[in-house]
Amino acid sequence: MLLIKESTRIPIIIAIMRVAINGVIIGGFINISLFRYSHNRVSEMVAV
């Protein structure tokens, strides 16, 4: 029973880790793009 539980638990943990890492990477890209976009808009407004 313990071996079966461990063998089923490990892939679930790996899948959760992958989802979490992908979420962090995607979130980081979104934050960077939003920051650059807002920064460009602010610099354009200041320049005008």
C-alpha atoms as a PDB file:
ATOM      1  CA  MET A   1       0.000   0.000   0.000  1.00  0.00           C
ATOM      2  CA  LEU A   2       2.760   2.441   0.932  1.00  0.00           C
ATOM      3  CA  LEU A   3       4.685   1.744  -2.285  1.00  0.00           C
ATOM      4  CA  ILE A   4       1.551   2.317  -4.381  1.00  0.00           C
ATOM      5  CA  LYS A   5       0.787   5.561  -2.544  1.00  0.00           C
ATOM      6  CA  GLU A   6       4.353   6.816  -2.963  1.00  0.00           C
ATOM      7  CA  SER A   7       4.447   5.923  -6.666  1.00  0.00           C
ATOM      8  CA  THR A   8       1.178   7.792  -7.257  1.00  0.00           C
ATOM      9  CA  ARG A   9       2.102  10.727  -5.038  1.00  0.00           C
ATOM     10  CA  ILE A  10       5.435  11.559  -6.725  1.00  0.00           C
ATOM     11  CA  PRO A  11       4.014  12.218 -10.244  1.00  0.00           C
ATOM     12  CA  ILE A  12       1.294  14.397  -8.688  1.00  0.00           C
ATOM     13  CA  ILE A  13       3.939  16.430  -6.833  1.00  0.00           C
ATOM     14  CA  ILE A  14       5.973  16.777 -10.056  1.00  0.00           C
ATOM     15  CA  ALA A  15       2.866  17.897 -11.961  1.00  0.00           C
ATOM     16  CA  ILE A  16       2.020  20.468  -9.270  1.00  0.00           C
ATOM     17  CA  MET A  17       5.627  21.731  -9.322  1.00  0.00           C
ATOM     18  CA  ARG A  18       5.517  22.066 -13.122  1.00  0.00           C
ATOM     19  CA  VAL A  19       2.238  23.982 -12.986  1.00  0.00           C
ATOM     20  CA  ALA A  20       3.602  26.249 -10.239  1.00  0.00           C
ATOM     21  CA  ILE A  21       6.844  26.921 -12.152  1.00  0.00           C
ATOM     22  CA  ASN A  22       4.930  27.608 -15.381  1.00  0.00           C
ATOM     23  CA  GLY A  23       2.615  29.960 -13.489  1.00  0.00           C
ATOM     24  CA  VAL A  24       5.566  31.852 -12.025  1.00  0.00           C
ATOM     25  CA  ILE A  25       7.281  32.129 -15.430  1.00  0.00           C
ATOM     26  CA  ILE A  26       4.083  33.235 -17.220  1.00  0.00           C
ATOM     27  CA  GLY A  27       3.241  35.642 -14.400  1.00  0.00           C
ATOM     28  CA  GLY A  28       6.749  37.097 -14.554  1.00  0.00           C
ATOM     29  CA  PHE A  29       6.493  37.639 -18.317  1.00  0.00           C
ATOM     30  CA  ILE A  30       3.067  39.296 -17.909  1.00  0.00           C
ATOM     31  CA  ASN A  31       4.353  41.546 -15.118  1.00  0.00           C
ATOM     32  CA  ILE A  32       7.442  42.555 -17.136  1.00  0.00           C
ATOM     33  CA  SER A  33       5.396  43.294 -20.270  1.00  0.00           C
ATOM     34  CA  LEU A  34       2.821  45.286 -18.271  1.00  0.00           C
ATOM     35  CA  PHE A  35       5.590  47.200 -16.493  1.00  0.00           C
ATOM     36  CA  ARG A  36       7.337  48.038 -19.788  1.00  0.00           C
ATOM     37  CA  TYR A  37       4.026  49.027 -21.406  1.00  0.00           C
ATOM     38  CA  SER A  38       3.039  51.327 -18.528  1.00  0.00           C
ATOM     39  CA  HIS A  39       6.608  52.712 -18.329  1.00  0.00           C
ATOM     40  CA  ASN A  40       6.559  53.522 -22.058  1.00  0.00           C
ATOM     41  CA  ARG A  41       3.157  55.197 -21.711  1.00  0.00           C
ATOM     42  CA  VAL A  42       4.371  57.305 -18.780  1.00  0.00           C
ATOM     43  CA  SER A  43       7.554  58.341 -20.619  1.00  0.00           C
ATOM     44  CA  GLU A  44       5.469  59.266 -23.690  1.00  0.00           C
ATOM     45  CA  MET A  45       3.145  61.396 -21.559  1.00  0.00           C
ATOM     46  CA  VAL A  46       6.123  63.072 -19.863  1.00  0.00           C
ATOM     47  CA  ALA A  47       7.797  63.699 -23.238  1.00  0.00           C
ATOM     48  CA  VAL A  48       4.590  65.250 -24.617  1.00  0.00           C
END
